[in-house]
Amino acid sequence: MSLDDATTQFLKQLAEAGGRPLHESSPEEARAMGVVLRELYGPGPEMAHVEDVGIASGDGGTFPARVLTPAGDPRGVIVYYHGGGWVIGAIDEFDTLARKLADLTGCTVVLPGYRLAPEHRFPTAVEDAHAALHWTAARHPGLPIVVAGDSAGGNLSAVVARRARDEGGPAIALQVLVYPVTDCDLDNASYSDPENQLMLTRDTMIWFWDHYLPDPDARAHPDASPLRAADLSGLPPAVVLTAEHDVLRDEGEAYAERLRAAGVPVESERFPGQMHAFFTLVNVLPASARAIDTVAAAVRRRLS
């Protein structure tokens, strides 16, 4: 299936706006592109309470987080780790998405601004993600916890879910993995398909990995490539979303299959005609709303 019309038109507008490919940019230039995209999303739903906090990480550093609480008594709390290849992305750029998730699920959403590479290479993002989970559990005792994220954030969600299992907590009710990075193999079928070289390309993923974890041999560590973990049994139920035209499609679907084989309940869906990043293009691509509704419905079912 080809890309849907809305995506084709969006890519045409990006091309007309010009600009260098991500992998030819500096991290600072790449981060500036995210600020431009943020303007397209518009404001999200009103929240009953919004708080910006600082969280201490295990290495003595700190990082910011935003806590968004909808009206009413929260039925749970979602820790949402944003995407961006561990190099780009910021709290403000994911605020609209977080507000939509809070509004549709009735959950408080914690949006960690984990520290980015190359200034902070692996495993800093993992340690910050782990710290955000423990901070959330301590701050919201008694509420069920969902970990969620897209792309590199999906990677961090998978990693903290496994670490929580191994460490005996905090308990996680559900993991939501949206086109997650699960492996360091840059030569599988979805990476090699020329139809998948769109907003995220093979070259861009090489650029991300080189900034995040330059040593290719070290990338096989399960805290970087969760698909390579020896044992995935006993993990929380999972929702895994992938996009048809995405270099990360195959590794996301392979992770879903490994979870199933290990006895973990999994809901998975491939969104036809979609590219990487479609989920976070809130109020830009119609498929984003459908995917957010899918995630919200799964969260409500799990927490009901």
C-alpha atoms as a PDB file:
ATOM      1  CA  MET A   1       0.000   0.000   0.000  1.00  0.00           C
ATOM      2  CA  SER A   2       1.216   3.514  -0.779  1.00  0.00           C
ATOM      3  CA  LEU A   3       1.266   6.363   1.704  1.00  0.00           C
ATOM      4  CA  ASP A   4      -2.094   7.900   2.478  1.00  0.00           C
ATOM      5  CA  ASP A   5      -2.972  11.255   0.925  1.00  0.00           C
ATOM      6  CA  ALA A   6      -2.537  13.282   4.111  1.00  0.00           C
ATOM      7  CA  THR A   7       0.988  11.969   4.623  1.00  0.00           C
ATOM      8  CA  THR A   8       1.921  12.544   0.994  1.00  0.00           C
ATOM      9  CA  GLN A   9       0.737  16.143   1.223  1.00  0.00           C
ATOM     10  CA  PHE A  10       2.571  16.696   4.506  1.00  0.00           C
ATOM     11  CA  LEU A  11       5.848  15.402   3.071  1.00  0.00           C
ATOM     12  CA  LYS A  12       5.378  17.637   0.034  1.00  0.00           C
ATOM     13  CA  GLN A  13       5.024  20.664   2.315  1.00  0.00           C
ATOM     14  CA  LEU A  14       8.155  19.702   4.213  1.00  0.00           C
ATOM     15  CA  ALA A  15      10.100  19.337   0.981  1.00  0.00           C
ATOM     16  CA  GLU A  16       8.921  22.738  -0.222  1.00  0.00           C
ATOM     17  CA  ALA A  17      10.062  24.299   3.061  1.00  0.00           C
ATOM     18  CA  GLY A  18      13.604  23.127   2.353  1.00  0.00           C
ATOM     19  CA  GLY A  19      16.186  22.301   4.955  1.00  0.00           C
ATOM     20  CA  ARG A  20      18.904  19.690   5.208  1.00  0.00           C
ATOM     21  CA  PRO A  21      18.264  16.037   6.027  1.00  0.00           C
ATOM     22  CA  LEU A  22      18.512  15.260   9.713  1.00  0.00           C
ATOM     23  CA  HIS A  23      21.637  13.138   9.309  1.00  0.00           C
ATOM     24  CA  GLU A  24      23.435  16.071   7.665  1.00  0.00           C
ATOM     25  CA  SER A  25      22.604  18.408  10.551  1.00  0.00           C
ATOM     26  CA  SER A  26      24.187  19.048  13.910  1.00  0.00           C
ATOM     27  CA  PRO A  27      22.194  17.963  16.974  1.00  0.00           C
ATOM     28  CA  GLU A  28      21.417  21.624  17.676  1.00  0.00           C
ATOM     29  CA  GLU A  29      20.080  22.157  14.137  1.00  0.00           C
ATOM     30  CA  ALA A  30      18.044  18.964  14.341  1.00  0.00           C
ATOM     31  CA  ARG A  31      16.501  20.039  17.648  1.00  0.00           C
ATOM     32  CA  ALA A  32      15.418  23.327  16.089  1.00  0.00           C
ATOM     33  CA  MET A  33      13.339  21.400  13.533  1.00  0.00           C
ATOM     34  CA  GLY A  34      11.270  19.964  16.380  1.00  0.00           C
ATOM     35  CA  VAL A  35      10.388  23.458  17.549  1.00  0.00           C
ATOM     36  CA  VAL A  36       9.005  24.223  14.077  1.00  0.00           C
ATOM     37  CA  LEU A  37       6.854  21.081  14.079  1.00  0.00           C
ATOM     38  CA  ARG A  38       5.495  21.939  17.520  1.00  0.00           C
ATOM     39  CA  GLU A  39       3.734  24.968  16.080  1.00  0.00           C
ATOM     40  CA  LEU A  40       1.626  22.680  13.877  1.00  0.00           C
ATOM     41  CA  TYR A  41       0.101  20.740  16.759  1.00  0.00           C
ATOM     42  CA  GLY A  42      -1.816  23.516  18.455  1.00  0.00           C
ATOM     43  CA  PRO A  43      -2.837  23.429  22.110  1.00  0.00           C
ATOM     44  CA  GLY A  44      -4.085  20.269  23.746  1.00  0.00           C
ATOM     45  CA  PRO A  45      -7.058  19.877  26.087  1.00  0.00           C
ATOM     46  CA  GLU A  46      -7.155  21.913  29.275  1.00  0.00           C
ATOM     47  CA  MET A  47      -5.832  20.143  32.351  1.00  0.00           C
ATOM     48  CA  ALA A  48      -6.932  20.508  35.965  1.00  0.00           C
ATOM     49  CA  HIS A  49      -3.313  20.856  37.008  1.00  0.00           C
ATOM     50  CA  VAL A  50       0.067  21.171  35.263  1.00  0.00           C
ATOM     51  CA  GLU A  51       3.328  21.081  37.197  1.00  0.00           C
ATOM     52  CA  ASP A  52       6.939  21.255  36.047  1.00  0.00           C
ATOM     53  CA  VAL A  53       9.307  19.381  38.360  1.00  0.00           C
ATOM     54  CA  GLY A  54      12.910  18.246  38.571  1.00  0.00           C
ATOM     55  CA  ILE A  55      13.852  14.585  39.062  1.00  0.00           C
ATOM     56  CA  ALA A  56      17.161  13.296  40.398  1.00  0.00           C
ATOM     57  CA  SER A  57      18.780  10.532  38.345  1.00  0.00           C
ATOM     58  CA  GLY A  58      20.899   7.679  39.604  1.00  0.00           C
ATOM     59  CA  ASP A  59      24.164   9.259  38.469  1.00  0.00           C
ATOM     60  CA  GLY A  60      23.692  12.424  40.508  1.00  0.00           C
ATOM     61  CA  GLY A  61      22.300  14.460  37.609  1.00  0.00           C
ATOM     62  CA  THR A  62      18.825  15.939  37.303  1.00  0.00           C
ATOM     63  CA  PHE A  63      16.329  16.352  34.499  1.00  0.00           C
ATOM     64  CA  PRO A  64      12.940  18.079  34.113  1.00  0.00           C
ATOM     65  CA  ALA A  65       9.510  16.503  33.856  1.00  0.00           C
ATOM     66  CA  ARG A  66       5.977  17.781  33.370  1.00  0.00           C
ATOM     67  CA  VAL A  67       3.004  16.335  35.244  1.00  0.00           C
ATOM     68  CA  LEU A  68      -0.366  16.809  33.548  1.00  0.00           C
ATOM     69  CA  THR A  69      -3.471  15.921  35.534  1.00  0.00           C
ATOM     70  CA  PRO A  70      -6.941  15.909  33.944  1.00  0.00           C
ATOM     71  CA  ALA A  71     -10.168  16.746  35.745  1.00  0.00           C
ATOM     72  CA  GLY A  72     -11.559  14.184  38.149  1.00  0.00           C
ATOM     73  CA  ASP A  73      -9.840  11.444  40.105  1.00  0.00           C
ATOM     74  CA  PRO A  74      -7.074   9.903  37.936  1.00  0.00           C
ATOM     75  CA  ARG A  75      -7.587   6.199  37.211  1.00  0.00           C
ATOM     76  CA  GLY A  76      -3.835   5.733  36.739  1.00  0.00           C
ATOM     77  CA  VAL A  77      -0.620   7.426  35.700  1.00  0.00           C
ATOM     78  CA  ILE A  78       1.148   7.185  32.349  1.00  0.00           C
ATOM     79  CA  VAL A  79       4.895   7.786  32.168  1.00  0.00           C
ATOM     80  CA  TYR A  80       5.361   8.874  28.547  1.00  0.00           C
ATOM     81  CA  TYR A  81       8.916   8.803  27.172  1.00  0.00           C
ATOM     82  CA  HIS A  82       9.169  10.948  24.055  1.00  0.00           C
ATOM     83  CA  GLY A  83      10.873   9.893  20.831  1.00  0.00           C
ATOM     84  CA  GLY A  84      13.677  11.547  18.922  1.00  0.00           C
ATOM     85  CA  GLY A  85      16.451   8.995  18.592  1.00  0.00           C
ATOM     86  CA  TRP A  86      17.766   9.839  22.092  1.00  0.00           C
ATOM     87  CA  VAL A  87      19.158  13.037  20.478  1.00  0.00           C
ATOM     88  CA  ILE A  88      16.204  15.343  19.795  1.00  0.00           C
ATOM     89  CA  GLY A  89      12.802  15.971  21.349  1.00  0.00           C
ATOM     90  CA  ALA A  90      11.663  18.071  24.293  1.00  0.00           C
ATOM     91  CA  ILE A  91       8.807  18.257  26.773  1.00  0.00           C
ATOM     92  CA  ASP A  92       7.104  21.192  25.028  1.00  0.00           C
ATOM     93  CA  GLU A  93       7.068  19.331  21.714  1.00  0.00           C
ATOM     94  CA  PHE A  94       5.066  16.468  23.262  1.00  0.00           C
ATOM     95  CA  ASP A  95       2.788  18.548  25.493  1.00  0.00           C
ATOM     96  CA  THR A  96      -0.202  18.401  23.111  1.00  0.00           C
ATOM     97  CA  LEU A  97       0.090  14.618  22.756  1.00  0.00           C
ATOM     98  CA  ALA A  98       0.408  14.177  26.530  1.00  0.00           C
ATOM     99  CA  ARG A  99      -2.673  16.309  27.135  1.00  0.00           C
ATOM    100  CA  LYS A 100      -4.679  14.243  24.653  1.00  0.00           C
ATOM    101  CA  LEU A 101      -3.610  11.014  26.340  1.00  0.00           C
ATOM    102  CA  ALA A 102      -4.510  12.406  29.765  1.00  0.00           C
ATOM    103  CA  ASP A 103      -7.894  13.614  28.529  1.00  0.00           C
ATOM    104  CA  LEU A 104      -8.812  10.373  26.739  1.00  0.00           C
ATOM    105  CA  THR A 105      -7.600   7.978  29.430  1.00  0.00           C
ATOM    106  CA  GLY A 106      -8.441   9.871  32.611  1.00  0.00           C
ATOM    107  CA  CYS A 107      -4.828   9.311  33.695  1.00  0.00           C
ATOM    108  CA  THR A 108      -2.219  11.711  34.980  1.00  0.00           C
ATOM    109  CA  VAL A 109       0.644  11.861  32.462  1.00  0.00           C
ATOM    110  CA  VAL A 110       4.264  12.320  33.501  1.00  0.00           C
ATOM    111  CA  LEU A 111       6.404  13.570  30.623  1.00  0.00           C
ATOM    112  CA  PRO A 112      10.127  13.179  31.455  1.00  0.00           C
ATOM    113  CA  GLY A 113      12.667  15.361  29.683  1.00  0.00           C
ATOM    114  CA  TYR A 114      15.433  12.772  29.934  1.00  0.00           C
ATOM    115  CA  ARG A 115      18.920  14.009  29.052  1.00  0.00           C
ATOM    116  CA  LEU A 116      19.933  13.711  25.416  1.00  0.00           C
ATOM    117  CA  ALA A 117      22.934  12.491  23.449  1.00  0.00           C
ATOM    118  CA  PRO A 118      25.603  13.275  22.402  1.00  0.00           C
ATOM    119  CA  GLU A 119      26.002  15.458  25.498  1.00  0.00           C
ATOM    120  CA  HIS A 120      24.726  12.527  27.566  1.00  0.00           C
ATOM    121  CA  ARG A 121      25.330   9.196  25.870  1.00  0.00           C
ATOM    122  CA  PHE A 122      24.021   5.725  26.759  1.00  0.00           C
ATOM    123  CA  PRO A 123      23.109   4.751  29.432  1.00  0.00           C
ATOM    124  CA  THR A 124      22.080   8.227  30.682  1.00  0.00           C
ATOM    125  CA  ALA A 125      18.658   8.148  28.979  1.00  0.00           C
ATOM    126  CA  VAL A 126      18.017   4.693  30.441  1.00  0.00           C
ATOM    127  CA  GLU A 127      18.981   5.798  33.950  1.00  0.00           C
ATOM    128  CA  ASP A 128      16.810   8.912  33.656  1.00  0.00           C
ATOM    129  CA  ALA A 129      13.881   6.833  32.397  1.00  0.00           C
ATOM    130  CA  HIS A 130      14.350   4.431  35.296  1.00  0.00           C
ATOM    131  CA  ALA A 131      14.477   7.329  37.767  1.00  0.00           C
ATOM    132  CA  ALA A 132      11.300   8.831  36.268  1.00  0.00           C
ATOM    133  CA  LEU A 133       9.457   5.545  36.811  1.00  0.00           C
ATOM    134  CA  HIS A 134      10.516   5.319  40.456  1.00  0.00           C
ATOM    135  CA  TRP A 135       9.719   9.021  41.043  1.00  0.00           C
ATOM    136  CA  THR A 136       6.253   8.478  39.571  1.00  0.00           C
ATOM    137  CA  ALA A 137       5.581   5.440  41.760  1.00  0.00           C
ATOM    138  CA  ALA A 138       6.595   7.381  44.868  1.00  0.00           C
ATOM    139  CA  ARG A 139       4.651  10.497  43.874  1.00  0.00           C
ATOM    140  CA  HIS A 140       1.442   8.617  42.970  1.00  0.00           C
ATOM    141  CA  PRO A 141       1.174   5.698  45.397  1.00  0.00           C
ATOM    142  CA  GLY A 142      -1.742   3.383  44.784  1.00  0.00           C
ATOM    143  CA  LEU A 143      -2.264   4.394  41.167  1.00  0.00           C
ATOM    144  CA  PRO A 144      -1.563   1.776  38.458  1.00  0.00           C
ATOM    145  CA  ILE A 145       1.334   2.764  36.216  1.00  0.00           C
ATOM    146  CA  VAL A 146       1.523   2.589  32.421  1.00  0.00           C
ATOM    147  CA  VAL A 147       4.841   3.123  30.661  1.00  0.00           C
ATOM    148  CA  ALA A 148       4.559   4.388  27.111  1.00  0.00           C
ATOM    149  CA  GLY A 149       6.658   5.966  24.400  1.00  0.00           C
ATOM    150  CA  ASP A 150       7.322   6.345  20.708  1.00  0.00           C
ATOM    151  CA  SER A 151      10.483   5.380  18.822  1.00  0.00           C
ATOM    152  CA  ALA A 152      13.436   5.939  21.200  1.00  0.00           C
ATOM    153  CA  GLY A 153      10.812   6.487  23.903  1.00  0.00           C
ATOM    154  CA  GLY A 154       9.345   3.090  23.071  1.00  0.00           C
ATOM    155  CA  ASN A 155      12.839   1.694  23.489  1.00  0.00           C
ATOM    156  CA  LEU A 156      13.098   3.259  26.956  1.00  0.00           C
ATOM    157  CA  SER A 157       9.624   1.989  27.901  1.00  0.00           C
ATOM    158  CA  ALA A 158      10.590  -1.576  26.989  1.00  0.00           C
ATOM    159  CA  VAL A 159      13.849  -1.300  28.918  1.00  0.00           C
ATOM    160  CA  VAL A 160      12.327   0.104  32.123  1.00  0.00           C
ATOM    161  CA  ALA A 161       9.559  -2.515  31.999  1.00  0.00           C
ATOM    162  CA  ARG A 162      12.169  -5.279  31.949  1.00  0.00           C
ATOM    163  CA  ARG A 163      14.258  -3.630  34.662  1.00  0.00           C
ATOM    164  CA  ALA A 164      11.189  -3.259  36.879  1.00  0.00           C
ATOM    165  CA  ARG A 165      10.507  -6.974  36.456  1.00  0.00           C
ATOM    166  CA  ASP A 166      14.084  -7.844  37.376  1.00  0.00           C
ATOM    167  CA  GLU A 167      14.157  -5.491  40.369  1.00  0.00           C
ATOM    168  CA  GLY A 168      10.759  -6.471  41.750  1.00  0.00           C
ATOM    169  CA  GLY A 169       9.016  -3.185  40.957  1.00  0.00           C
ATOM    170  CA  PRO A 170       7.545  -0.723  40.576  1.00  0.00           C
ATOM    171  CA  ALA A 171       4.589  -2.703  39.265  1.00  0.00           C
ATOM    172  CA  ILE A 172       3.632  -1.776  35.693  1.00  0.00           C
ATOM    173  CA  ALA A 173       0.100  -2.445  34.477  1.00  0.00           C
ATOM    174  CA  LEU A 174       0.765  -1.943  30.759  1.00  0.00           C
ATOM    175  CA  GLN A 175       3.573  -1.038  28.365  1.00  0.00           C
ATOM    176  CA  VAL A 176       2.688   0.916  25.217  1.00  0.00           C
ATOM    177  CA  LEU A 177       5.356   0.737  22.525  1.00  0.00           C
ATOM    178  CA  VAL A 178       4.782   2.909  19.459  1.00  0.00           C
ATOM    179  CA  TYR A 179       7.138   1.964  16.597  1.00  0.00           C
ATOM    180  CA  PRO A 180       9.837   1.267  19.200  1.00  0.00           C
ATOM    181  CA  VAL A 181      13.564   0.955  18.591  1.00  0.00           C
ATOM    182  CA  THR A 182      14.238  -2.602  19.796  1.00  0.00           C
ATOM    183  CA  ASP A 183      17.388  -3.633  17.938  1.00  0.00           C
ATOM    184  CA  CYS A 184      20.636  -2.277  16.519  1.00  0.00           C
ATOM    185  CA  ASP A 185      20.386  -4.218  13.219  1.00  0.00           C
ATOM    186  CA  LEU A 186      20.424  -1.552  10.503  1.00  0.00           C
ATOM    187  CA  ASP A 187      20.161  -3.987   7.594  1.00  0.00           C
ATOM    188  CA  ASN A 188      16.879  -5.847   7.983  1.00  0.00           C
ATOM    189  CA  ALA A 189      14.147  -5.766   5.338  1.00  0.00           C
ATOM    190  CA  SER A 190      12.313  -2.672   6.601  1.00  0.00           C
ATOM    191  CA  TYR A 191      15.609  -0.765   6.855  1.00  0.00           C
ATOM    192  CA  SER A 192      16.542  -1.742   3.302  1.00  0.00           C
ATOM    193  CA  ASP A 193      13.185  -0.945   1.660  1.00  0.00           C
ATOM    194  CA  PRO A 194      13.497   2.301  -0.343  1.00  0.00           C
ATOM    195  CA  GLU A 195       9.782   3.011   0.245  1.00  0.00           C
ATOM    196  CA  ASN A 196      10.495   3.415   3.962  1.00  0.00           C
ATOM    197  CA  GLN A 197      13.090   6.209   3.651  1.00  0.00           C
ATOM    198  CA  LEU A 198      10.743   9.054   4.605  1.00  0.00           C
ATOM    199  CA  MET A 199      10.817  11.240   7.751  1.00  0.00           C
ATOM    200  CA  LEU A 200      13.051   8.612   9.346  1.00  0.00           C
ATOM    201  CA  THR A 201      15.647   6.965   7.129  1.00  0.00           C
ATOM    202  CA  ARG A 202      18.357   4.369   7.579  1.00  0.00           C
ATOM    203  CA  ASP A 203      20.942   7.176   7.414  1.00  0.00           C
ATOM    204  CA  THR A 204      19.120   9.055  10.160  1.00  0.00           C
ATOM    205  CA  MET A 205      19.067   5.996  12.419  1.00  0.00           C
ATOM    206  CA  ILE A 206      22.811   5.547  11.860  1.00  0.00           C
ATOM    207  CA  TRP A 207      23.225   9.197  12.890  1.00  0.00           C
ATOM    208  CA  PHE A 208      21.114   8.653  16.029  1.00  0.00           C
ATOM    209  CA  TRP A 209      22.972   5.502  17.063  1.00  0.00           C
ATOM    210  CA  ASP A 210      26.366   7.142  16.444  1.00  0.00           C
ATOM    211  CA  HIS A 211      25.437   9.963  18.813  1.00  0.00           C
ATOM    212  CA  TYR A 212      23.786   7.764  21.441  1.00  0.00           C
ATOM    213  CA  LEU A 213      26.057   4.716  21.541  1.00  0.00           C
ATOM    214  CA  PRO A 214      29.059   5.042  19.210  1.00  0.00           C
ATOM    215  CA  ASP A 215      30.505   1.576  19.942  1.00  0.00           C
ATOM    216  CA  PRO A 216      28.649  -0.835  17.588  1.00  0.00           C
ATOM    217  CA  ASP A 217      29.470  -3.853  19.750  1.00  0.00           C
ATOM    218  CA  ALA A 218      27.978  -2.257  22.854  1.00  0.00           C
ATOM    219  CA  ARG A 219      24.660  -1.702  21.080  1.00  0.00           C
ATOM    220  CA  ALA A 220      23.752  -5.370  21.578  1.00  0.00           C
ATOM    221  CA  HIS A 221      23.273  -4.728  25.314  1.00  0.00           C
ATOM    222  CA  PRO A 222      19.596  -5.353  26.127  1.00  0.00           C
ATOM    223  CA  ASP A 223      19.338  -1.886  27.694  1.00  0.00           C
ATOM    224  CA  ALA A 224      20.034  -0.530  24.189  1.00  0.00           C
ATOM    225  CA  SER A 225      18.501  -3.330  22.082  1.00  0.00           C
ATOM    226  CA  PRO A 226      15.693  -4.879  24.165  1.00  0.00           C
ATOM    227  CA  LEU A 227      14.975  -7.440  21.431  1.00  0.00           C
ATOM    228  CA  ARG A 228      18.273  -9.070  22.432  1.00  0.00           C
ATOM    229  CA  ALA A 229      17.282  -9.663  26.051  1.00  0.00           C
ATOM    230  CA  ALA A 230      17.556 -13.352  26.891  1.00  0.00           C
ATOM    231  CA  ASP A 231      14.203 -13.593  28.706  1.00  0.00           C
ATOM    232  CA  LEU A 232      11.034 -11.576  28.064  1.00  0.00           C
ATOM    233  CA  SER A 233       8.720 -13.662  30.218  1.00  0.00           C
ATOM    234  CA  GLY A 234       6.864 -12.077  33.103  1.00  0.00           C
ATOM    235  CA  LEU A 235       6.738  -8.638  31.507  1.00  0.00           C
ATOM    236  CA  PRO A 236       3.622  -6.412  31.655  1.00  0.00           C
ATOM    237  CA  PRO A 237       0.957  -6.770  28.940  1.00  0.00           C
ATOM    238  CA  ALA A 238       1.912  -4.764  25.870  1.00  0.00           C
ATOM    239  CA  VAL A 239       0.378  -2.667  23.124  1.00  0.00           C
ATOM    240  CA  VAL A 240       2.684  -2.426  20.099  1.00  0.00           C
ATOM    241  CA  LEU A 241       1.908  -0.106  17.178  1.00  0.00           C
ATOM    242  CA  THR A 242       3.941  -0.020  13.964  1.00  0.00           C
ATOM    243  CA  ALA A 243       3.759   1.878  10.687  1.00  0.00           C
ATOM    244  CA  GLU A 244       3.817   0.205   7.279  1.00  0.00           C
ATOM    245  CA  HIS A 245       6.446   2.537   5.794  1.00  0.00           C
ATOM    246  CA  ASP A 246       8.923   2.744   8.669  1.00  0.00           C
ATOM    247  CA  VAL A 247      12.487   1.502   8.933  1.00  0.00           C
ATOM    248  CA  LEU A 248      11.636   0.418  12.512  1.00  0.00           C
ATOM    249  CA  ARG A 249       8.632  -1.679  11.461  1.00  0.00           C
ATOM    250  CA  ASP A 250      10.272  -5.098  11.487  1.00  0.00           C
ATOM    251  CA  GLU A 251      12.038  -4.768  14.836  1.00  0.00           C
ATOM    252  CA  GLY A 252       8.869  -3.492  16.506  1.00  0.00           C
ATOM    253  CA  GLU A 253       6.876  -6.417  15.165  1.00  0.00           C
ATOM    254  CA  ALA A 254       9.662  -8.851  16.051  1.00  0.00           C
ATOM    255  CA  TYR A 255       9.548  -7.599  19.631  1.00  0.00           C
ATOM    256  CA  ALA A 256       5.788  -8.102  19.771  1.00  0.00           C
ATOM    257  CA  GLU A 257       6.254 -11.690  18.570  1.00  0.00           C
ATOM    258  CA  ARG A 258       8.996 -12.351  21.124  1.00  0.00           C
ATOM    259  CA  LEU A 259       6.719 -11.067  23.873  1.00  0.00           C
ATOM    260  CA  ARG A 260       3.919 -13.359  22.704  1.00  0.00           C
ATOM    261  CA  ALA A 261       6.272 -16.321  22.541  1.00  0.00           C
ATOM    262  CA  ALA A 262       7.278 -15.576  26.144  1.00  0.00           C
ATOM    263  CA  GLY A 263       3.641 -15.681  27.261  1.00  0.00           C
ATOM    264  CA  VAL A 264       3.090 -11.920  27.528  1.00  0.00           C
ATOM    265  CA  PRO A 265      -0.376 -10.692  26.423  1.00  0.00           C
ATOM    266  CA  VAL A 266       0.137  -8.451  23.387  1.00  0.00           C
ATOM    267  CA  GLU A 267      -2.159  -6.281  21.291  1.00  0.00           C
ATOM    268  CA  SER A 268      -0.377  -5.236  18.110  1.00  0.00           C
ATOM    269  CA  GLU A 269      -1.402  -3.300  15.032  1.00  0.00           C
ATOM    270  CA  ARG A 270       0.380  -2.195  11.881  1.00  0.00           C
ATOM    271  CA  PHE A 271      -1.061   1.067  10.526  1.00  0.00           C
ATOM    272  CA  PRO A 272      -1.219   0.840   6.719  1.00  0.00           C
ATOM    273  CA  GLY A 273      -0.146   3.768   4.588  1.00  0.00           C
ATOM    274  CA  GLN A 274       1.666   5.411   7.518  1.00  0.00           C
ATOM    275  CA  MET A 275       5.266   6.447   8.092  1.00  0.00           C
ATOM    276  CA  HIS A 276       7.414   6.796  11.181  1.00  0.00           C
ATOM    277  CA  ALA A 277       6.348   9.737  13.389  1.00  0.00           C
ATOM    278  CA  PHE A 278       2.687   9.582  12.345  1.00  0.00           C
ATOM    279  CA  PHE A 279       1.571   8.961  15.942  1.00  0.00           C
ATOM    280  CA  THR A 280       3.063  12.199  17.270  1.00  0.00           C
ATOM    281  CA  LEU A 281       1.887  14.397  14.385  1.00  0.00           C
ATOM    282  CA  VAL A 282      -1.118  15.404  16.452  1.00  0.00           C
ATOM    283  CA  ASN A 283      -3.743  17.485  14.629  1.00  0.00           C
ATOM    284  CA  VAL A 284      -1.675  17.090  11.447  1.00  0.00           C
ATOM    285  CA  LEU A 285      -2.336  13.520  10.239  1.00  0.00           C
ATOM    286  CA  PRO A 286      -5.735  11.839  10.671  1.00  0.00           C
ATOM    287  CA  ALA A 287      -4.064   8.517  11.458  1.00  0.00           C
ATOM    288  CA  SER A 288      -2.505  10.102  14.545  1.00  0.00           C
ATOM    289  CA  ALA A 289      -5.948  10.540  16.091  1.00  0.00           C
ATOM    290  CA  ARG A 290      -6.894   6.936  15.251  1.00  0.00           C
ATOM    291  CA  ALA A 291      -3.702   5.607  16.825  1.00  0.00           C
ATOM    292  CA  ILE A 292      -4.074   7.749  19.945  1.00  0.00           C
ATOM    293  CA  ASP A 293      -7.642   6.481  20.302  1.00  0.00           C
ATOM    294  CA  THR A 294      -6.331   2.908  19.984  1.00  0.00           C
ATOM    295  CA  VAL A 295      -3.812   3.480  22.778  1.00  0.00           C
ATOM    296  CA  ALA A 296      -6.329   5.276  24.993  1.00  0.00           C
ATOM    297  CA  ALA A 297      -8.882   2.481  24.598  1.00  0.00           C
ATOM    298  CA  ALA A 298      -6.254  -0.121  25.540  1.00  0.00           C
ATOM    299  CA  VAL A 299      -5.278   1.870  28.626  1.00  0.00           C
ATOM    300  CA  ARG A 300      -8.915   2.268  29.709  1.00  0.00           C
ATOM    301  CA  ARG A 301      -9.552  -1.478  29.269  1.00  0.00           C
ATOM    302  CA  ARG A 302      -6.474  -2.407  31.244  1.00  0.00           C
ATOM    303  CA  LEU A 303      -7.207  -0.019  34.105  1.00  0.00           C
ATOM    304  CA  SER A 304     -10.970  -0.559  34.289  1.00  0.00           C
END
